[in-house]
N, C-alpha and C. Protein backbone atom coordinates (compact mmCIF):
# COMPACT_ATOMS: atom_id res chain seq x y z
N MET A 1 -29.13 253.64 181.52
CA MET A 1 -28.96 252.28 182.01
C MET A 1 -27.90 252.27 183.11
N SER A 2 -28.21 251.62 184.19
CA SER A 2 -27.34 251.60 185.36
C SER A 2 -26.22 250.56 185.20
N HIS A 3 -25.04 250.92 185.68
CA HIS A 3 -23.89 250.01 185.65
C HIS A 3 -24.03 248.99 186.77
N THR A 4 -23.71 247.74 186.49
CA THR A 4 -23.76 246.68 187.48
C THR A 4 -22.38 246.06 187.62
N LEU A 5 -21.94 245.89 188.86
CA LEU A 5 -20.65 245.28 189.14
C LEU A 5 -20.87 243.80 189.43
N GLN A 6 -20.14 242.93 188.73
CA GLN A 6 -20.22 241.50 189.00
C GLN A 6 -19.05 241.13 189.90
N VAL A 7 -19.36 240.49 191.02
CA VAL A 7 -18.32 240.11 191.97
C VAL A 7 -18.48 238.65 192.35
N VAL A 8 -17.35 238.04 192.72
CA VAL A 8 -17.36 236.71 193.31
C VAL A 8 -17.51 236.94 194.81
N GLY A 9 -18.57 236.41 195.37
CA GLY A 9 -18.82 236.56 196.80
C GLY A 9 -18.19 235.41 197.57
N PHE A 10 -17.60 235.74 198.71
CA PHE A 10 -16.99 234.70 199.53
C PHE A 10 -17.02 235.14 200.99
N GLN A 11 -16.73 234.17 201.85
CA GLN A 11 -16.78 234.40 203.29
C GLN A 11 -15.40 234.22 203.88
N ALA A 12 -15.04 235.14 204.76
CA ALA A 12 -13.82 235.03 205.57
C ALA A 12 -14.26 235.33 207.00
N GLY A 13 -14.30 234.29 207.81
CA GLY A 13 -14.87 234.46 209.14
C GLY A 13 -16.38 234.64 209.01
N LYS A 14 -16.92 235.60 209.73
CA LYS A 14 -18.36 235.86 209.67
C LYS A 14 -18.69 236.93 208.63
N GLU A 15 -17.67 237.48 208.00
CA GLU A 15 -17.88 238.58 207.06
C GLU A 15 -18.00 238.08 205.63
N TYR A 16 -18.80 238.80 204.84
CA TYR A 16 -18.94 238.52 203.43
C TYR A 16 -18.16 239.55 202.63
N PHE A 17 -17.41 239.07 201.67
CA PHE A 17 -16.58 239.93 200.83
C PHE A 17 -16.89 239.65 199.38
N GLY A 18 -16.42 240.54 198.53
CA GLY A 18 -16.55 240.35 197.10
C GLY A 18 -15.35 240.95 196.41
N VAL A 19 -14.95 240.32 195.31
CA VAL A 19 -13.90 240.86 194.44
C VAL A 19 -14.44 240.82 193.02
N ALA A 20 -13.97 241.74 192.20
CA ALA A 20 -14.43 241.80 190.82
C ALA A 20 -14.23 240.45 190.14
N ILE A 21 -15.25 240.00 189.44
CA ILE A 21 -15.18 238.69 188.79
C ILE A 21 -14.05 238.64 187.77
N THR A 22 -13.69 239.77 187.19
CA THR A 22 -12.62 239.80 186.20
C THR A 22 -11.25 239.50 186.81
N ALA A 23 -11.12 239.63 188.13
CA ALA A 23 -9.84 239.38 188.80
C ALA A 23 -9.67 237.91 189.20
N VAL A 24 -10.76 237.14 189.16
CA VAL A 24 -10.72 235.74 189.60
C VAL A 24 -10.65 234.83 188.39
N GLN A 25 -9.57 234.05 188.32
CA GLN A 25 -9.42 233.12 187.20
C GLN A 25 -10.18 231.83 187.44
N GLU A 26 -10.13 231.34 188.68
CA GLU A 26 -10.86 230.13 189.02
C GLU A 26 -10.94 229.99 190.52
N ILE A 27 -11.79 229.08 190.95
CA ILE A 27 -11.95 228.76 192.37
C ILE A 27 -11.69 227.28 192.51
N VAL A 28 -10.76 226.91 193.42
CA VAL A 28 -10.39 225.51 193.57
C VAL A 28 -10.53 225.08 195.03
N ARG A 29 -10.75 223.77 195.20
CA ARG A 29 -10.70 223.21 196.55
C ARG A 29 -9.28 223.34 197.05
N VAL A 30 -9.09 223.31 198.35
CA VAL A 30 -7.76 223.51 198.92
C VAL A 30 -6.95 222.22 198.80
N PRO A 31 -5.91 222.24 197.94
CA PRO A 31 -5.02 221.08 197.85
C PRO A 31 -3.98 221.17 198.97
N GLU A 32 -3.01 220.28 198.94
CA GLU A 32 -1.93 220.38 199.92
C GLU A 32 -1.13 221.65 199.63
N VAL A 33 -0.88 222.42 200.69
CA VAL A 33 -0.14 223.67 200.57
C VAL A 33 1.25 223.44 201.14
N THR A 34 2.27 223.77 200.36
CA THR A 34 3.66 223.60 200.78
C THR A 34 4.16 224.92 201.38
N ARG A 35 4.63 224.86 202.60
CA ARG A 35 5.15 226.07 203.27
C ARG A 35 6.44 226.50 202.61
N VAL A 36 6.68 227.82 202.57
CA VAL A 36 7.89 228.40 202.00
C VAL A 36 8.61 229.16 203.11
N PRO A 37 9.88 228.80 203.39
CA PRO A 37 10.62 229.51 204.44
C PRO A 37 10.76 230.99 204.11
N GLU A 38 10.66 231.81 205.13
CA GLU A 38 10.86 233.26 205.05
C GLU A 38 9.89 233.97 204.12
N ALA A 39 8.73 233.39 203.89
CA ALA A 39 7.71 234.05 203.08
C ALA A 39 7.06 235.15 203.92
N ALA A 40 6.33 236.04 203.27
CA ALA A 40 5.61 237.10 203.98
C ALA A 40 4.70 236.48 205.04
N TRP A 41 4.43 237.21 206.10
CA TRP A 41 3.69 236.69 207.26
C TRP A 41 2.31 236.13 206.93
N CYS A 42 1.68 236.61 205.87
CA CYS A 42 0.34 236.14 205.55
C CYS A 42 0.33 235.08 204.45
N VAL A 43 1.53 234.69 203.96
CA VAL A 43 1.61 233.67 202.91
C VAL A 43 1.54 232.30 203.56
N GLU A 44 0.52 231.56 203.18
CA GLU A 44 0.30 230.21 203.71
C GLU A 44 1.32 229.23 203.14
N GLY A 45 1.71 229.46 201.89
CA GLY A 45 2.64 228.58 201.19
C GLY A 45 2.37 228.64 199.71
N VAL A 46 2.70 227.56 199.00
CA VAL A 46 2.47 227.51 197.56
C VAL A 46 1.72 226.22 197.21
N ILE A 47 1.02 226.25 196.08
CA ILE A 47 0.36 225.06 195.55
C ILE A 47 0.82 224.87 194.10
N ASN A 48 0.71 223.64 193.64
CA ASN A 48 1.00 223.32 192.25
C ASN A 48 -0.35 223.26 191.54
N LEU A 49 -0.60 224.24 190.69
CA LEU A 49 -1.87 224.31 189.97
C LEU A 49 -1.60 224.01 188.50
N ARG A 50 -1.77 222.74 188.13
CA ARG A 50 -1.53 222.28 186.75
C ARG A 50 -0.16 222.72 186.24
N GLY A 51 0.88 222.50 187.06
CA GLY A 51 2.25 222.79 186.65
C GLY A 51 2.72 224.20 186.97
N ARG A 52 1.86 225.04 187.47
CA ARG A 52 2.26 226.40 187.86
C ARG A 52 2.29 226.49 189.38
N ILE A 53 3.35 227.10 189.88
CA ILE A 53 3.48 227.29 191.32
C ILE A 53 2.77 228.60 191.67
N VAL A 54 1.78 228.51 192.56
CA VAL A 54 0.96 229.67 192.91
C VAL A 54 1.06 229.90 194.42
N PRO A 55 1.50 231.10 194.85
CA PRO A 55 1.51 231.39 196.27
C PRO A 55 0.09 231.53 196.79
N VAL A 56 -0.12 231.12 198.04
CA VAL A 56 -1.44 231.17 198.66
C VAL A 56 -1.38 232.10 199.86
N ILE A 57 -2.24 233.10 199.85
CA ILE A 57 -2.34 234.08 200.92
C ILE A 57 -3.53 233.71 201.80
N ASP A 58 -3.34 233.66 203.10
CA ASP A 58 -4.45 233.47 204.03
C ASP A 58 -5.12 234.83 204.15
N LEU A 59 -6.26 234.99 203.48
CA LEU A 59 -6.91 236.30 203.42
C LEU A 59 -7.39 236.76 204.79
N LYS A 60 -7.86 235.84 205.62
CA LYS A 60 -8.28 236.23 206.98
C LYS A 60 -7.10 236.80 207.76
N LYS A 61 -5.95 236.15 207.63
CA LYS A 61 -4.76 236.63 208.33
C LYS A 61 -4.35 238.00 207.78
N ARG A 62 -4.39 238.15 206.45
CA ARG A 62 -4.00 239.41 205.81
C ARG A 62 -4.89 240.56 206.26
N LEU A 63 -6.17 240.28 206.44
CA LEU A 63 -7.11 241.31 206.86
C LEU A 63 -7.22 241.41 208.38
N ARG A 64 -6.37 240.65 209.06
CA ARG A 64 -6.32 240.63 210.53
C ARG A 64 -7.67 240.22 211.15
N LEU A 65 -8.24 239.15 210.56
CA LEU A 65 -9.49 238.60 211.06
C LEU A 65 -9.27 237.23 211.69
N GLY A 66 -8.03 236.89 212.00
CA GLY A 66 -7.70 235.57 212.52
C GLY A 66 -7.05 234.76 211.42
N GLU A 67 -7.10 233.44 211.54
CA GLU A 67 -6.55 232.56 210.51
C GLU A 67 -7.69 231.76 209.90
N ALA A 68 -7.55 231.45 208.62
CA ALA A 68 -8.57 230.64 207.95
C ALA A 68 -8.62 229.27 208.60
N SER A 69 -9.82 228.80 208.83
CA SER A 69 -9.99 227.44 209.34
C SER A 69 -10.27 226.57 208.12
N LYS A 70 -9.39 225.64 207.85
CA LYS A 70 -9.54 224.82 206.65
C LYS A 70 -10.61 223.76 206.89
N THR A 71 -11.70 223.89 206.16
CA THR A 71 -12.82 222.96 206.25
C THR A 71 -13.15 222.47 204.84
N ARG A 72 -14.18 221.66 204.73
CA ARG A 72 -14.61 221.19 203.41
C ARG A 72 -15.12 222.33 202.54
N GLN A 73 -15.57 223.42 203.16
CA GLN A 73 -16.07 224.55 202.40
C GLN A 73 -14.96 225.53 201.99
N SER A 74 -13.77 225.38 202.57
CA SER A 74 -12.67 226.29 202.25
C SER A 74 -12.33 226.21 200.76
N ARG A 75 -11.96 227.35 200.20
CA ARG A 75 -11.60 227.41 198.80
C ARG A 75 -10.41 228.35 198.61
N ILE A 76 -9.77 228.19 197.47
CA ILE A 76 -8.72 229.13 197.07
C ILE A 76 -9.23 229.84 195.82
N LEU A 77 -9.31 231.17 195.92
CA LEU A 77 -9.65 231.98 194.76
C LEU A 77 -8.34 232.26 194.04
N VAL A 78 -8.18 231.75 192.84
CA VAL A 78 -6.97 231.99 192.06
C VAL A 78 -7.19 233.31 191.33
N THR A 79 -6.40 234.30 191.71
CA THR A 79 -6.58 235.66 191.20
C THR A 79 -5.34 236.12 190.47
N ASN A 80 -5.49 237.22 189.78
CA ASN A 80 -4.37 237.84 189.08
C ASN A 80 -4.15 239.20 189.73
N ILE A 81 -3.07 239.31 190.52
CA ILE A 81 -2.73 240.56 191.20
C ILE A 81 -1.41 241.05 190.62
N GLU A 82 -1.44 242.24 190.06
CA GLU A 82 -0.21 242.82 189.48
C GLU A 82 0.46 241.84 188.51
N LYS A 83 -0.34 241.21 187.65
CA LYS A 83 0.12 240.26 186.62
C LYS A 83 0.77 239.01 187.21
N GLN A 84 0.45 238.68 188.44
CA GLN A 84 0.96 237.48 189.09
C GLN A 84 -0.23 236.65 189.58
N LEU A 85 -0.17 235.34 189.37
CA LEU A 85 -1.21 234.47 189.94
C LEU A 85 -0.99 234.39 191.44
N VAL A 86 -2.05 234.62 192.19
CA VAL A 86 -2.01 234.55 193.65
C VAL A 86 -3.29 233.87 194.10
N GLY A 87 -3.15 232.87 194.99
CA GLY A 87 -4.32 232.21 195.54
C GLY A 87 -4.72 232.86 196.86
N LEU A 88 -6.01 233.08 197.04
CA LEU A 88 -6.51 233.64 198.29
C LEU A 88 -7.31 232.56 199.00
N LEU A 89 -6.81 232.16 200.17
CA LEU A 89 -7.50 231.14 200.96
C LEU A 89 -8.66 231.80 201.70
N VAL A 90 -9.88 231.31 201.45
CA VAL A 90 -11.08 231.85 202.09
C VAL A 90 -11.86 230.71 202.73
N ASP A 91 -12.75 231.06 203.66
CA ASP A 91 -13.52 230.04 204.36
C ASP A 91 -14.56 229.37 203.47
N ALA A 92 -15.13 230.13 202.54
CA ALA A 92 -16.11 229.58 201.61
C ALA A 92 -16.31 230.57 200.48
N ALA A 93 -16.47 230.05 199.27
CA ALA A 93 -16.83 230.89 198.12
C ALA A 93 -18.29 230.62 197.85
N SER A 94 -19.09 231.67 197.82
CA SER A 94 -20.53 231.44 197.77
C SER A 94 -21.14 231.56 196.39
N GLU A 95 -20.95 232.69 195.71
CA GLU A 95 -21.73 232.90 194.49
C GLU A 95 -21.17 234.07 193.70
N VAL A 96 -21.70 234.21 192.49
CA VAL A 96 -21.42 235.41 191.70
C VAL A 96 -22.59 236.35 191.95
N LEU A 97 -22.26 237.57 192.35
CA LEU A 97 -23.28 238.56 192.67
C LEU A 97 -23.25 239.69 191.66
N ARG A 98 -24.41 240.22 191.35
CA ARG A 98 -24.53 241.41 190.51
C ARG A 98 -25.00 242.53 191.43
N ILE A 99 -24.15 243.54 191.57
CA ILE A 99 -24.49 244.64 192.48
C ILE A 99 -24.64 245.91 191.65
N PRO A 100 -25.83 246.51 191.64
CA PRO A 100 -26.02 247.76 190.91
C PRO A 100 -25.13 248.87 191.50
N ALA A 101 -24.62 249.73 190.64
CA ALA A 101 -23.72 250.81 191.09
C ALA A 101 -24.35 251.64 192.20
N GLU A 102 -25.65 251.87 192.13
CA GLU A 102 -26.30 252.69 193.16
C GLU A 102 -26.40 251.97 194.51
N ALA A 103 -26.13 250.66 194.55
CA ALA A 103 -26.16 249.91 195.81
C ALA A 103 -24.77 249.79 196.42
N ILE A 104 -23.78 250.50 195.84
CA ILE A 104 -22.41 250.46 196.36
C ILE A 104 -22.07 251.83 196.94
N GLU A 105 -21.60 251.81 198.18
CA GLU A 105 -21.20 253.05 198.84
C GLU A 105 -19.74 252.96 199.23
N PRO A 106 -19.06 254.11 199.31
CA PRO A 106 -17.68 254.09 199.80
C PRO A 106 -17.68 253.65 201.26
N PRO A 107 -16.54 253.15 201.75
CA PRO A 107 -16.49 252.77 203.16
C PRO A 107 -16.76 253.99 204.04
N PRO A 108 -17.48 253.82 205.15
CA PRO A 108 -17.76 254.96 206.02
C PRO A 108 -16.47 255.64 206.48
N GLU A 109 -16.47 256.97 206.47
CA GLU A 109 -15.28 257.73 206.85
C GLU A 109 -14.87 257.50 208.30
N MET A 110 -15.81 257.12 209.14
CA MET A 110 -15.51 256.91 210.56
C MET A 110 -14.63 255.69 210.77
N LEU A 111 -14.66 254.76 209.81
CA LEU A 111 -13.85 253.56 209.95
C LEU A 111 -12.38 253.92 209.77
N SER A 112 -11.56 253.37 210.59
CA SER A 112 -10.12 253.56 210.42
C SER A 112 -9.45 252.30 210.90
N GLY A 113 -8.18 252.18 210.60
CA GLY A 113 -7.44 251.02 211.07
C GLY A 113 -6.94 250.18 209.92
N VAL A 114 -6.27 249.12 210.31
CA VAL A 114 -5.67 248.22 209.34
C VAL A 114 -6.77 247.58 208.50
N GLY A 115 -6.56 247.53 207.23
CA GLY A 115 -7.50 246.88 206.35
C GLY A 115 -8.39 247.82 205.57
N LEU A 116 -8.60 249.02 206.06
CA LEU A 116 -9.48 249.94 205.36
C LEU A 116 -8.95 250.27 203.97
N GLU A 117 -7.63 250.30 203.81
CA GLU A 117 -7.06 250.63 202.51
C GLU A 117 -7.35 249.57 201.45
N TYR A 118 -7.78 248.38 201.85
CA TYR A 118 -8.08 247.31 200.91
C TYR A 118 -9.53 247.37 200.43
N ILE A 119 -10.34 248.18 201.08
CA ILE A 119 -11.77 248.20 200.81
C ILE A 119 -12.12 249.19 199.71
N ARG A 120 -12.75 248.67 198.68
CA ARG A 120 -13.18 249.49 197.54
C ARG A 120 -14.52 250.15 197.82
N GLY A 121 -15.35 249.46 198.57
CA GLY A 121 -16.68 249.97 198.89
C GLY A 121 -17.47 248.90 199.62
N VAL A 122 -18.72 249.23 199.91
CA VAL A 122 -19.63 248.28 200.57
C VAL A 122 -20.88 248.19 199.71
N GLY A 123 -21.19 246.96 199.30
CA GLY A 123 -22.36 246.74 198.46
C GLY A 123 -23.51 246.19 199.27
N LYS A 124 -24.71 246.63 198.93
CA LYS A 124 -25.91 246.14 199.60
C LYS A 124 -26.62 245.16 198.67
N VAL A 125 -26.75 243.92 199.13
CA VAL A 125 -27.43 242.88 198.35
C VAL A 125 -28.52 242.32 199.25
N GLY A 126 -29.75 242.70 198.99
CA GLY A 126 -30.83 242.31 199.88
C GLY A 126 -30.58 242.89 201.26
N ASP A 127 -30.57 242.02 202.27
CA ASP A 127 -30.29 242.51 203.63
C ASP A 127 -28.84 242.27 204.05
N ARG A 128 -28.00 241.85 203.08
CA ARG A 128 -26.58 241.60 203.38
C ARG A 128 -25.72 242.77 202.94
N LEU A 129 -24.61 242.95 203.65
CA LEU A 129 -23.59 243.90 203.23
C LEU A 129 -22.39 243.10 202.75
N ILE A 130 -21.89 243.44 201.58
CA ILE A 130 -20.74 242.77 200.99
C ILE A 130 -19.59 243.78 200.95
N ILE A 131 -18.50 243.46 201.61
CA ILE A 131 -17.33 244.33 201.61
C ILE A 131 -16.56 244.05 200.32
N LEU A 132 -16.43 245.06 199.49
CA LEU A 132 -15.78 244.90 198.20
C LEU A 132 -14.30 245.23 198.33
N LEU A 133 -13.47 244.26 198.00
CA LEU A 133 -12.02 244.41 198.16
C LEU A 133 -11.35 244.84 196.86
N GLU A 134 -10.30 245.62 197.01
CA GLU A 134 -9.46 246.02 195.88
C GLU A 134 -8.22 245.15 195.94
N LEU A 135 -8.16 244.12 195.09
CA LEU A 135 -7.09 243.14 195.16
C LEU A 135 -5.71 243.73 194.96
N SER A 136 -5.61 244.76 194.13
CA SER A 136 -4.28 245.34 193.89
C SER A 136 -3.69 245.97 195.14
N ARG A 137 -4.51 246.18 196.17
CA ARG A 137 -4.01 246.77 197.41
C ARG A 137 -3.81 245.73 198.52
N ILE A 138 -4.23 244.50 198.28
CA ILE A 138 -4.13 243.45 199.30
C ILE A 138 -2.67 243.17 199.65
N LEU A 139 -1.82 243.10 198.62
CA LEU A 139 -0.39 242.86 198.81
C LEU A 139 0.40 243.96 198.15
N SER A 140 1.46 244.38 198.81
CA SER A 140 2.36 245.36 198.20
C SER A 140 3.19 244.65 197.14
N PRO A 141 3.74 245.40 196.18
CA PRO A 141 4.60 244.76 195.17
C PRO A 141 5.74 243.96 195.81
N GLU A 142 6.30 244.44 196.91
CA GLU A 142 7.37 243.71 197.60
C GLU A 142 6.86 242.38 198.15
N GLU A 143 5.67 242.38 198.74
CA GLU A 143 5.11 241.13 199.27
C GLU A 143 4.81 240.15 198.14
N ILE A 144 4.36 240.66 197.00
CA ILE A 144 4.10 239.78 195.86
C ILE A 144 5.41 239.15 195.40
N ARG A 145 6.48 239.95 195.30
CA ARG A 145 7.78 239.40 194.90
C ARG A 145 8.26 238.37 195.91
N ARG A 146 8.12 238.66 197.21
CA ARG A 146 8.58 237.71 198.24
C ARG A 146 7.79 236.41 198.20
N SER A 147 6.52 236.49 197.83
CA SER A 147 5.72 235.27 197.80
C SER A 147 6.05 234.41 196.58
N HIS A 148 6.74 234.98 195.60
CA HIS A 148 7.13 234.26 194.38
C HIS A 148 8.62 233.92 194.41
N MET A 149 9.08 233.37 195.52
CA MET A 149 10.50 233.06 195.64
C MET A 149 10.86 231.77 194.92
N VAL A 150 9.89 231.13 194.30
CA VAL A 150 10.16 229.89 193.57
C VAL A 150 9.78 230.10 192.12
N PRO A 151 10.28 229.28 191.18
CA PRO A 151 9.92 229.45 189.77
C PRO A 151 8.43 229.31 189.55
N GLU A 152 7.92 229.94 188.50
CA GLU A 152 6.48 229.92 188.22
C GLU A 152 6.00 228.59 187.67
N THR A 153 6.87 227.83 187.00
CA THR A 153 6.42 226.56 186.42
C THR A 153 7.28 225.43 186.93
N VAL A 154 6.72 224.27 186.96
CA VAL A 154 7.45 223.09 187.37
C VAL A 154 7.84 222.36 186.09
N GLY A 155 9.11 222.16 185.92
CA GLY A 155 9.59 221.50 184.70
C GLY A 155 9.24 220.02 184.71
N SER A 156 9.11 219.45 183.52
CA SER A 156 8.84 218.02 183.44
C SER A 156 10.17 217.28 183.52
N PRO A 157 10.16 216.10 184.10
CA PRO A 157 11.42 215.35 184.26
C PRO A 157 12.00 215.00 182.90
N SER A 158 13.31 215.00 182.82
CA SER A 158 14.00 214.69 181.54
C SER A 158 14.17 213.21 181.39
């Protein structure tokens, strides 16, 4: 029996990406994002998600694909990276995909440059190519710490 990888498919720019479904806790519409002074260059800010402060990373900016254009289709993928909640701002979240192991190939060796270290592989779904990301490599532990410069929970007023 063949192994199948389940991924959440999403769009950043014209490219389609996927991350393991087990890494995504939820997908939310983009609420107001509060900027944080001196945050990492790709940190958009923080959001209050049911009393938890969650840093939001502009994934397009992080992958050097430009900046996310916030539209009605924009979403934040709330993920768990290195035991920290991190929101990934994407242009659109499309679907849950099942990709058979035999339809996943490692990134071509000829590719080089910034961003290749984040790529787990390339999945073929019909006539589409889905770039599979390794979330644990998207941010360094130092960047994760810098993006969490505020407390994780918002206290209730006394």
